[in-house]
């Protein structure tokens, strides 16, 4: 009798890649002519928050655009970045962007429902903290679930780890 095969569905961010993208964006902002003299900057504020500052709303969104392009080049999904609206703070505008990690209970339940409703029969899913274990006796069913979840329109970047 064959044992169950399984994999974990997680939403993790490579912090080093995000840091590298932020540093590249910082260098580009320092060098670009259209950012000269507008007080544009981008920096970490704590563990998971990026603060963008500039003297106008348009410049703040332009800095965010530069940061997003650097994230894409480094292979980081934009679904991990949750940006707020630019807010006036004295003479400058500020925008805070949060780096999201982990599966919330709400998203995990959505994933479980997708697997139950559209996935192959005999596939079980179990939520454990900020990840979800999917198991089945048939490895082909697991491959089908991975393809199904990749095609699903979810608000998080999913990775599939510990496939065995």
N, C-alpha and C. Protein backbone atom coordinates (compact mmCIF):
# COMPACT_ATOMS: atom_id res chain seq x y z
N UNK A 1 0.83 -1.18 0.00
CA UNK A 1 0.00 0.00 0.00
C UNK A 1 0.88 1.25 0.00
N UNK A 2 0.68 2.12 -0.98
CA UNK A 2 1.48 3.33 -1.09
C UNK A 2 1.02 4.36 -0.07
N UNK A 3 1.98 5.12 0.46
CA UNK A 3 1.62 6.15 1.43
C UNK A 3 1.20 7.43 0.68
N UNK A 4 0.61 8.34 1.41
CA UNK A 4 0.15 9.59 0.80
C UNK A 4 1.34 10.44 0.35
N UNK A 5 1.16 11.09 -0.79
CA UNK A 5 2.11 12.11 -1.24
C UNK A 5 1.52 13.45 -0.81
N UNK A 6 2.39 14.44 -0.61
CA UNK A 6 1.87 15.73 -0.17
C UNK A 6 2.78 16.87 -0.60
N UNK A 7 2.27 18.08 -0.49
CA UNK A 7 3.05 19.29 -0.64
C UNK A 7 2.42 20.38 0.21
N UNK A 8 3.19 21.44 0.47
CA UNK A 8 2.69 22.56 1.26
C UNK A 8 2.49 23.76 0.35
N UNK A 9 1.40 24.47 0.57
CA UNK A 9 1.14 25.73 -0.13
C UNK A 9 1.52 26.84 0.85
N UNK A 10 2.47 27.69 0.47
CA UNK A 10 2.91 28.78 1.34
C UNK A 10 2.96 30.09 0.55
N UNK A 11 3.07 31.17 1.27
CA UNK A 11 3.27 32.48 0.65
C UNK A 11 4.43 33.14 1.38
N UNK A 12 5.62 32.95 0.85
CA UNK A 12 6.82 33.50 1.46
C UNK A 12 7.49 34.48 0.50
N UNK A 13 8.24 35.41 1.07
CA UNK A 13 8.94 36.40 0.27
C UNK A 13 10.43 36.25 0.56
N UNK A 14 11.25 36.27 -0.50
CA UNK A 14 12.70 36.26 -0.31
C UNK A 14 13.11 37.67 0.09
N UNK A 15 13.31 37.87 1.37
CA UNK A 15 13.60 39.20 1.92
C UNK A 15 14.85 39.82 1.27
N UNK A 16 15.83 39.01 0.96
CA UNK A 16 17.06 39.52 0.36
C UNK A 16 16.79 40.10 -1.03
N UNK A 17 15.93 39.44 -1.80
CA UNK A 17 15.60 39.94 -3.13
C UNK A 17 14.84 41.26 -3.04
N UNK A 18 13.94 41.37 -2.08
CA UNK A 18 13.20 42.63 -1.88
C UNK A 18 14.17 43.73 -1.48
N UNK A 19 15.11 43.41 -0.60
CA UNK A 19 16.12 44.37 -0.16
C UNK A 19 16.99 44.83 -1.33
N UNK A 20 17.39 43.88 -2.18
CA UNK A 20 18.19 44.22 -3.36
C UNK A 20 17.40 45.12 -4.31
N UNK A 21 16.12 44.82 -4.52
CA UNK A 21 15.27 45.63 -5.39
C UNK A 21 15.15 47.05 -4.83
N UNK A 22 15.01 47.16 -3.50
CA UNK A 22 14.91 48.47 -2.86
C UNK A 22 16.20 49.26 -3.05
N UNK A 23 17.34 48.60 -2.88
CA UNK A 23 18.63 49.28 -3.05
C UNK A 23 18.81 49.73 -4.50
N UNK A 24 18.42 48.90 -5.47
CA UNK A 24 18.53 49.28 -6.88
C UNK A 24 17.62 50.48 -7.18
N UNK A 25 16.41 50.46 -6.63
CA UNK A 25 15.48 51.57 -6.84
C UNK A 25 16.05 52.86 -6.24
N UNK A 26 16.67 52.74 -5.06
CA UNK A 26 17.28 53.88 -4.39
C UNK A 26 18.38 54.49 -5.27
N UNK A 27 19.23 53.65 -5.85
CA UNK A 27 20.31 54.13 -6.73
C UNK A 27 19.75 54.82 -7.97
N UNK A 28 18.72 54.20 -8.57
CA UNK A 28 18.13 54.79 -9.78
C UNK A 28 17.51 56.15 -9.48
N UNK A 29 16.84 56.26 -8.34
CA UNK A 29 16.21 57.53 -7.96
C UNK A 29 17.27 58.61 -7.75
N UNK A 30 18.39 58.22 -7.16
CA UNK A 30 19.48 59.19 -6.91
C UNK A 30 20.09 59.68 -8.22
N UNK A 31 20.07 58.85 -9.28
CA UNK A 31 20.73 59.20 -10.53
C UNK A 31 19.83 59.85 -11.56
N UNK A 32 18.53 59.56 -11.52
CA UNK A 32 17.64 60.04 -12.58
C UNK A 32 17.40 61.53 -12.51
N UNK A 33 17.38 62.16 -13.68
CA UNK A 33 17.22 63.60 -13.78
C UNK A 33 15.85 64.06 -13.28
N UNK A 34 14.80 63.32 -13.59
CA UNK A 34 13.45 63.74 -13.19
C UNK A 34 13.21 63.64 -11.68
N UNK A 35 14.14 63.01 -10.93
CA UNK A 35 14.01 62.95 -9.48
C UNK A 35 14.96 63.92 -8.78
N UNK A 36 15.73 64.70 -9.51
CA UNK A 36 16.67 65.66 -8.92
C UNK A 36 15.90 66.79 -8.24
N UNK A 37 16.23 67.09 -7.00
CA UNK A 37 15.66 68.23 -6.29
C UNK A 37 14.21 68.07 -5.86
N UNK A 38 13.66 66.86 -5.89
CA UNK A 38 12.26 66.69 -5.46
C UNK A 38 12.18 65.95 -4.12
N UNK A 39 13.32 65.66 -3.52
CA UNK A 39 13.33 64.99 -2.22
C UNK A 39 12.79 63.58 -2.27
N UNK A 40 12.95 62.91 -3.40
CA UNK A 40 12.43 61.55 -3.55
C UNK A 40 13.35 60.56 -2.82
N UNK A 41 12.72 59.67 -2.04
CA UNK A 41 13.50 58.63 -1.35
C UNK A 41 12.61 57.41 -1.11
N UNK A 42 13.29 56.28 -0.92
CA UNK A 42 12.61 55.03 -0.60
C UNK A 42 13.48 54.31 0.42
N UNK A 43 12.86 53.82 1.50
CA UNK A 43 13.65 53.17 2.56
C UNK A 43 12.77 52.23 3.38
N UNK A 44 13.45 51.32 4.11
CA UNK A 44 12.75 50.40 5.02
C UNK A 44 12.29 51.18 6.23
N UNK A 45 11.15 50.79 6.77
CA UNK A 45 10.67 51.32 8.05
C UNK A 45 10.20 50.11 8.84
N UNK A 46 11.07 49.54 9.62
CA UNK A 46 10.74 48.31 10.34
C UNK A 46 11.04 47.09 9.48
N UNK A 47 10.43 45.97 9.83
CA UNK A 47 10.71 44.70 9.16
C UNK A 47 10.02 44.54 7.81
N UNK A 48 8.75 44.98 7.70
CA UNK A 48 7.99 44.67 6.50
C UNK A 48 7.40 45.90 5.80
N UNK A 49 7.77 47.11 6.21
CA UNK A 49 7.18 48.31 5.62
C UNK A 49 8.24 49.10 4.87
N UNK A 50 7.85 49.55 3.66
CA UNK A 50 8.71 50.40 2.85
C UNK A 50 8.05 51.78 2.79
N UNK A 51 8.81 52.83 3.10
CA UNK A 51 8.28 54.19 3.08
C UNK A 51 8.86 54.93 1.88
N UNK A 52 7.96 55.54 1.09
CA UNK A 52 8.37 56.32 -0.08
C UNK A 52 8.01 57.77 0.20
N UNK A 53 8.97 58.69 -0.05
CA UNK A 53 8.74 60.12 0.18
C UNK A 53 9.12 60.91 -1.07
N UNK A 54 8.38 61.98 -1.32
CA UNK A 54 8.71 62.92 -2.40
C UNK A 54 7.89 64.19 -2.18
N UNK A 55 8.12 65.23 -3.03
CA UNK A 55 7.42 66.50 -2.82
C UNK A 55 6.08 66.59 -3.53
N UNK A 56 5.70 65.57 -4.31
CA UNK A 56 4.37 65.59 -4.95
C UNK A 56 3.83 64.16 -5.04
N UNK A 57 2.51 64.08 -5.18
CA UNK A 57 1.85 62.78 -5.29
C UNK A 57 2.37 62.00 -6.50
N UNK A 58 2.55 62.70 -7.62
CA UNK A 58 3.00 62.05 -8.86
C UNK A 58 4.40 61.45 -8.69
N UNK A 59 5.28 62.17 -7.99
CA UNK A 59 6.64 61.67 -7.78
C UNK A 59 6.63 60.43 -6.88
N UNK A 60 5.76 60.43 -5.88
CA UNK A 60 5.66 59.26 -4.99
C UNK A 60 5.25 58.04 -5.79
N UNK A 61 4.24 58.19 -6.66
CA UNK A 61 3.80 57.04 -7.46
C UNK A 61 4.86 56.66 -8.49
N UNK A 62 5.65 57.63 -8.96
CA UNK A 62 6.74 57.31 -9.89
C UNK A 62 7.83 56.49 -9.19
N UNK A 63 8.13 56.83 -7.94
CA UNK A 63 9.12 56.07 -7.16
C UNK A 63 8.59 54.65 -6.92
N UNK A 64 7.29 54.53 -6.61
CA UNK A 64 6.69 53.20 -6.43
C UNK A 64 6.81 52.38 -7.71
N UNK A 65 6.59 53.02 -8.85
CA UNK A 65 6.70 52.35 -10.14
C UNK A 65 8.13 51.83 -10.38
N UNK A 66 9.12 52.64 -10.02
CA UNK A 66 10.53 52.21 -10.15
C UNK A 66 10.77 50.99 -9.26
N UNK A 67 10.28 51.04 -8.02
CA UNK A 67 10.46 49.93 -7.08
C UNK A 67 9.78 48.66 -7.60
N UNK A 68 8.56 48.80 -8.13
CA UNK A 68 7.85 47.64 -8.67
C UNK A 68 8.60 47.03 -9.85
N UNK A 69 9.17 47.86 -10.71
CA UNK A 69 9.91 47.31 -11.86
C UNK A 69 11.15 46.55 -11.39
N UNK A 70 11.79 47.03 -10.33
CA UNK A 70 12.96 46.34 -9.78
C UNK A 70 12.55 45.00 -9.15
N UNK A 71 11.38 44.98 -8.49
CA UNK A 71 10.89 43.72 -7.91
C UNK A 71 10.63 42.70 -9.00
N UNK A 72 10.01 43.12 -10.09
CA UNK A 72 9.71 42.21 -11.20
C UNK A 72 11.00 41.64 -11.78
N UNK A 73 12.00 42.51 -11.98
CA UNK A 73 13.28 42.05 -12.55
C UNK A 73 13.96 41.02 -11.64
N UNK A 74 13.72 41.10 -10.33
CA UNK A 74 14.34 40.17 -9.40
C UNK A 74 13.46 38.96 -9.11
N UNK A 75 12.35 38.83 -9.84
CA UNK A 75 11.52 37.64 -9.73
C UNK A 75 10.60 37.62 -8.52
N UNK A 76 10.29 38.78 -7.96
CA UNK A 76 9.38 38.87 -6.81
C UNK A 76 8.01 39.30 -7.34
N UNK A 77 6.98 38.54 -6.97
CA UNK A 77 5.63 38.85 -7.43
C UNK A 77 5.13 40.16 -6.81
N UNK A 78 4.42 40.96 -7.59
CA UNK A 78 3.87 42.21 -7.07
C UNK A 78 2.70 41.98 -6.13
N UNK A 79 2.22 40.73 -6.05
CA UNK A 79 1.12 40.42 -5.13
C UNK A 79 1.57 40.50 -3.67
N UNK A 80 2.88 40.51 -3.42
CA UNK A 80 3.37 40.61 -2.04
C UNK A 80 3.39 42.06 -1.56
N UNK A 81 3.23 43.00 -2.46
CA UNK A 81 3.32 44.42 -2.13
C UNK A 81 1.93 45.02 -2.01
N UNK A 82 1.61 45.56 -0.85
CA UNK A 82 0.32 46.20 -0.62
C UNK A 82 0.58 47.67 -0.31
N UNK A 83 0.27 48.55 -1.27
CA UNK A 83 0.58 49.96 -1.12
C UNK A 83 -0.65 50.77 -0.74
N UNK A 84 -0.43 51.74 0.13
CA UNK A 84 -1.49 52.65 0.52
C UNK A 84 -1.56 53.82 -0.45
N UNK A 85 -2.34 54.83 -0.10
CA UNK A 85 -2.46 56.04 -0.90
C UNK A 85 -1.40 57.04 -0.44
N UNK A 86 -0.89 57.90 -1.36
CA UNK A 86 0.03 58.96 -0.94
C UNK A 86 -0.68 59.94 -0.01
N UNK A 87 -0.03 60.26 1.11
CA UNK A 87 -0.62 61.19 2.07
C UNK A 87 0.30 62.40 2.23
N UNK A 88 -0.30 63.58 2.32
CA UNK A 88 0.49 64.79 2.55
C UNK A 88 0.98 64.77 4.00
N UNK A 89 2.26 65.05 4.18
CA UNK A 89 2.86 65.08 5.51
C UNK A 89 3.77 66.31 5.55
N UNK A 90 3.22 67.43 5.96
CA UNK A 90 3.99 68.68 5.93
C UNK A 90 4.16 69.11 4.49
N UNK A 91 5.42 69.33 4.08
CA UNK A 91 5.69 69.75 2.71
C UNK A 91 5.90 68.58 1.76
N UNK A 92 5.91 67.36 2.27
CA UNK A 92 6.17 66.21 1.42
C UNK A 92 5.00 65.24 1.43
N UNK A 93 5.02 64.34 0.48
CA UNK A 93 4.03 63.26 0.41
C UNK A 93 4.71 61.97 0.80
N UNK A 94 3.97 61.12 1.51
CA UNK A 94 4.50 59.82 1.96
C UNK A 94 3.55 58.72 1.54
N UNK A 95 4.12 57.56 1.23
CA UNK A 95 3.31 56.38 0.94
C UNK A 95 3.98 55.21 1.63
N UNK A 96 3.17 54.42 2.32
CA UNK A 96 3.70 53.22 2.96
C UNK A 96 3.23 51.99 2.20
N UNK A 97 4.18 51.09 1.93
CA UNK A 97 3.87 49.83 1.25
C UNK A 97 4.26 48.69 2.18
N UNK A 98 3.35 47.75 2.34
CA UNK A 98 3.56 46.61 3.24
C UNK A 98 3.96 45.39 2.42
N UNK A 99 4.96 44.63 2.88
CA UNK A 99 5.35 43.38 2.26
C UNK A 99 4.56 42.27 2.98
N UNK A 100 3.65 41.60 2.26
CA UNK A 100 2.78 40.58 2.86
C UNK A 100 3.43 39.21 2.77
N UNK A 101 3.37 38.47 3.87
CA UNK A 101 3.87 37.10 3.90
C UNK A 101 2.88 36.22 4.64
N UNK A 102 2.86 34.95 4.29
CA UNK A 102 2.01 33.99 4.98
C UNK A 102 0.59 33.98 4.42
N UNK A 103 -0.09 32.86 4.62
CA UNK A 103 -1.48 32.73 4.19
C UNK A 103 -2.39 33.11 5.34
N UNK A 104 -3.27 34.07 5.11
CA UNK A 104 -4.26 34.41 6.14
C UNK A 104 -5.29 33.28 6.19
N UNK A 105 -6.05 33.21 7.27
CA UNK A 105 -7.08 32.17 7.40
C UNK A 105 -8.09 32.28 6.27
N UNK A 106 -8.42 33.52 5.92
CA UNK A 106 -9.41 33.75 4.85
C UNK A 106 -8.93 33.18 3.51
N UNK A 107 -7.68 33.47 3.16
CA UNK A 107 -7.11 32.98 1.89
C UNK A 107 -6.98 31.45 1.94
N UNK A 108 -6.54 30.92 3.07
CA UNK A 108 -6.39 29.46 3.21
C UNK A 108 -7.73 28.76 3.02
N UNK A 109 -8.79 29.35 3.56
CA UNK A 109 -10.13 28.76 3.39
C UNK A 109 -10.57 28.81 1.93
N UNK A 110 -10.23 29.92 1.24
CA UNK A 110 -10.55 30.03 -0.20
C UNK A 110 -9.85 28.93 -0.98
N UNK A 111 -8.56 28.73 -0.66
CA UNK A 111 -7.78 27.69 -1.34
C UNK A 111 -8.38 26.32 -1.09
N UNK A 112 -8.75 26.05 0.17
CA UNK A 112 -9.38 24.77 0.52
C UNK A 112 -10.68 24.56 -0.24
N UNK A 113 -11.46 25.62 -0.40
CA UNK A 113 -12.73 25.53 -1.13
C UNK A 113 -12.47 25.24 -2.61
N UNK A 114 -11.47 25.90 -3.19
CA UNK A 114 -11.12 25.66 -4.60
C UNK A 114 -10.73 24.19 -4.79
N UNK A 115 -9.90 23.67 -3.87
CA UNK A 115 -9.45 22.28 -3.98
C UNK A 115 -10.64 21.32 -3.86
N UNK A 116 -11.55 21.58 -2.91
CA UNK A 116 -12.73 20.70 -2.72
C UNK A 116 -13.66 20.76 -3.93
N UNK A 117 -13.93 21.99 -4.42
CA UNK A 117 -14.92 22.15 -5.49
C UNK A 117 -14.40 21.73 -6.86
N UNK A 118 -13.17 22.13 -7.20
CA UNK A 118 -12.67 21.93 -8.56
C UNK A 118 -11.58 20.88 -8.67
N UNK A 119 -10.99 20.51 -7.55
CA UNK A 119 -9.89 19.56 -7.59
C UNK A 119 -10.35 18.13 -7.73
N UNK A 120 -9.41 17.21 -7.97
CA UNK A 120 -9.75 15.80 -8.09
C UNK A 120 -10.25 15.23 -6.76
N UNK A 121 -11.02 14.17 -6.83
CA UNK A 121 -11.53 13.52 -5.62
C UNK A 121 -10.36 12.83 -4.89
N UNK A 122 -10.49 12.73 -3.60
CA UNK A 122 -9.46 12.04 -2.81
C UNK A 122 -8.30 12.93 -2.40
N UNK A 123 -8.37 14.22 -2.73
CA UNK A 123 -7.32 15.15 -2.32
C UNK A 123 -7.78 15.82 -1.03
N UNK A 124 -6.91 15.77 0.00
CA UNK A 124 -7.24 16.37 1.28
C UNK A 124 -6.38 17.61 1.52
N UNK A 125 -6.97 18.63 2.14
CA UNK A 125 -6.18 19.82 2.49
C UNK A 125 -6.36 20.11 3.97
N UNK A 126 -5.28 20.61 4.57
CA UNK A 126 -5.29 20.88 6.01
C UNK A 126 -4.52 22.17 6.27
N UNK A 127 -5.15 23.11 6.99
CA UNK A 127 -4.51 24.39 7.30
C UNK A 127 -3.69 24.22 8.57
N UNK A 128 -2.40 24.59 8.50
CA UNK A 128 -1.53 24.57 9.68
C UNK A 128 -0.83 25.92 9.79
N UNK A 129 -1.32 26.78 10.63
CA UNK A 129 -0.71 28.09 10.81
C UNK A 129 -0.84 28.94 9.56
N UNK A 130 0.30 29.36 9.02
CA UNK A 130 0.31 30.21 7.84
C UNK A 130 0.62 29.42 6.57
N UNK A 131 0.45 28.10 6.63
CA UNK A 131 0.62 27.30 5.42
C UNK A 131 -0.47 26.25 5.35
N UNK A 132 -0.52 25.56 4.22
CA UNK A 132 -1.56 24.57 4.01
C UNK A 132 -0.94 23.31 3.42
N UNK A 133 -1.25 22.16 4.00
CA UNK A 133 -0.74 20.90 3.48
C UNK A 133 -1.83 20.25 2.63
N UNK A 134 -1.43 19.85 1.43
CA UNK A 134 -2.35 19.16 0.52
C UNK A 134 -1.79 17.75 0.31
N UNK A 135 -2.65 16.73 0.50
CA UNK A 135 -2.16 15.35 0.36
C UNK A 135 -3.13 14.50 -0.43
N UNK A 136 -2.58 13.47 -1.06
CA UNK A 136 -3.37 12.54 -1.86
C UNK A 136 -2.56 11.28 -2.05
N UNK A 137 -3.24 10.17 -2.38
CA UNK A 137 -2.54 8.93 -2.68
C UNK A 137 -1.90 8.99 -4.07
N UNK A 138 -2.48 9.78 -4.96
CA UNK A 138 -2.03 9.85 -6.34
C UNK A 138 -1.25 11.15 -6.60
N UNK A 139 0.02 11.02 -7.05
CA UNK A 139 0.84 12.20 -7.32
C UNK A 139 0.31 13.04 -8.48
N UNK A 140 -0.33 12.40 -9.45
CA UNK A 140 -0.90 13.14 -10.58
C UNK A 140 -2.00 14.08 -10.10
N UNK A 141 -2.78 13.65 -9.11
CA UNK A 141 -3.81 14.52 -8.54
C UNK A 141 -3.18 15.77 -7.92
N UNK A 142 -2.03 15.59 -7.26
CA UNK A 142 -1.35 16.72 -6.65
C UNK A 142 -0.86 17.70 -7.72
N UNK A 143 -0.34 17.14 -8.82
CA UNK A 143 0.10 18.00 -9.93
C UNK A 143 -1.08 18.81 -10.47
N UNK A 144 -2.23 18.16 -10.55
CA UNK A 144 -3.44 18.81 -11.04
C UNK A 144 -3.86 19.95 -10.10
N UNK A 145 -3.73 19.73 -8.79
CA UNK A 145 -4.08 20.76 -7.80
C UNK A 145 -3.13 21.95 -7.93
N UNK A 146 -1.84 21.67 -8.13
CA UNK A 146 -0.87 22.76 -8.29
C UNK A 146 -1.24 23.60 -9.51
N UNK A 147 -1.55 22.95 -10.62
CA UNK A 147 -1.94 23.67 -11.84
C UNK A 147 -3.22 24.47 -11.59
N UNK A 148 -4.17 23.89 -10.86
CA UNK A 148 -5.43 24.57 -10.54
C UNK A 148 -5.18 25.83 -9.71
N UNK A 149 -4.32 25.72 -8.70
CA UNK A 149 -4.04 26.87 -7.83
C UNK A 149 -3.23 27.95 -8.55
N UNK A 150 -2.34 27.54 -9.46
CA UNK A 150 -1.59 28.53 -10.24
C UNK A 150 -2.53 29.33 -11.13
N UNK A 151 -3.58 28.69 -11.62
CA UNK A 151 -4.53 29.37 -12.49
C UNK A 151 -5.58 30.17 -11.74
N UNK A 152 -5.71 29.93 -10.43
CA UNK A 152 -6.73 30.63 -9.63
C UNK A 152 -6.33 32.09 -9.43
N UNK A 153 -7.31 32.96 -9.38
CA UNK A 153 -7.06 34.40 -9.21
C UNK A 153 -7.12 34.74 -7.73
N UNK A 154 -5.98 34.57 -7.05
CA UNK A 154 -5.89 34.87 -5.62
C UNK A 154 -5.03 36.11 -5.42
N UNK A 155 -5.21 36.77 -4.27
CA UNK A 155 -4.49 38.01 -3.99
C UNK A 155 -3.11 37.79 -3.38
N UNK A 156 -2.63 36.58 -3.37
CA UNK A 156 -1.33 36.30 -2.76
C UNK A 156 -0.44 35.53 -3.75
N UNK A 157 0.86 35.66 -3.55
CA UNK A 157 1.82 34.90 -4.35
C UNK A 157 2.01 33.55 -3.67
N UNK A 158 1.70 32.47 -4.39
CA UNK A 158 1.78 31.13 -3.81
C UNK A 158 3.06 30.42 -4.24
N UNK A 159 3.63 29.66 -3.33
CA UNK A 159 4.73 28.75 -3.64
C UNK A 159 4.33 27.37 -3.16
N UNK A 160 4.85 26.36 -3.83
CA UNK A 160 4.54 24.97 -3.51
C UNK A 160 5.84 24.31 -3.09
N UNK A 161 5.92 23.92 -1.81
CA UNK A 161 7.18 23.39 -1.25
C UNK A 161 6.94 22.02 -0.62
N UNK A 162 8.02 21.36 -0.28
CA UNK A 162 7.99 20.05 0.39
C UNK A 162 7.19 19.01 -0.39
N UNK A 163 7.36 18.98 -1.69
CA UNK A 163 6.64 18.01 -2.50
C UNK A 163 7.28 16.64 -2.31
N UNK A 164 6.51 15.69 -1.77
CA UNK A 164 7.04 14.33 -1.57
C UNK A 164 5.96 13.31 -1.68
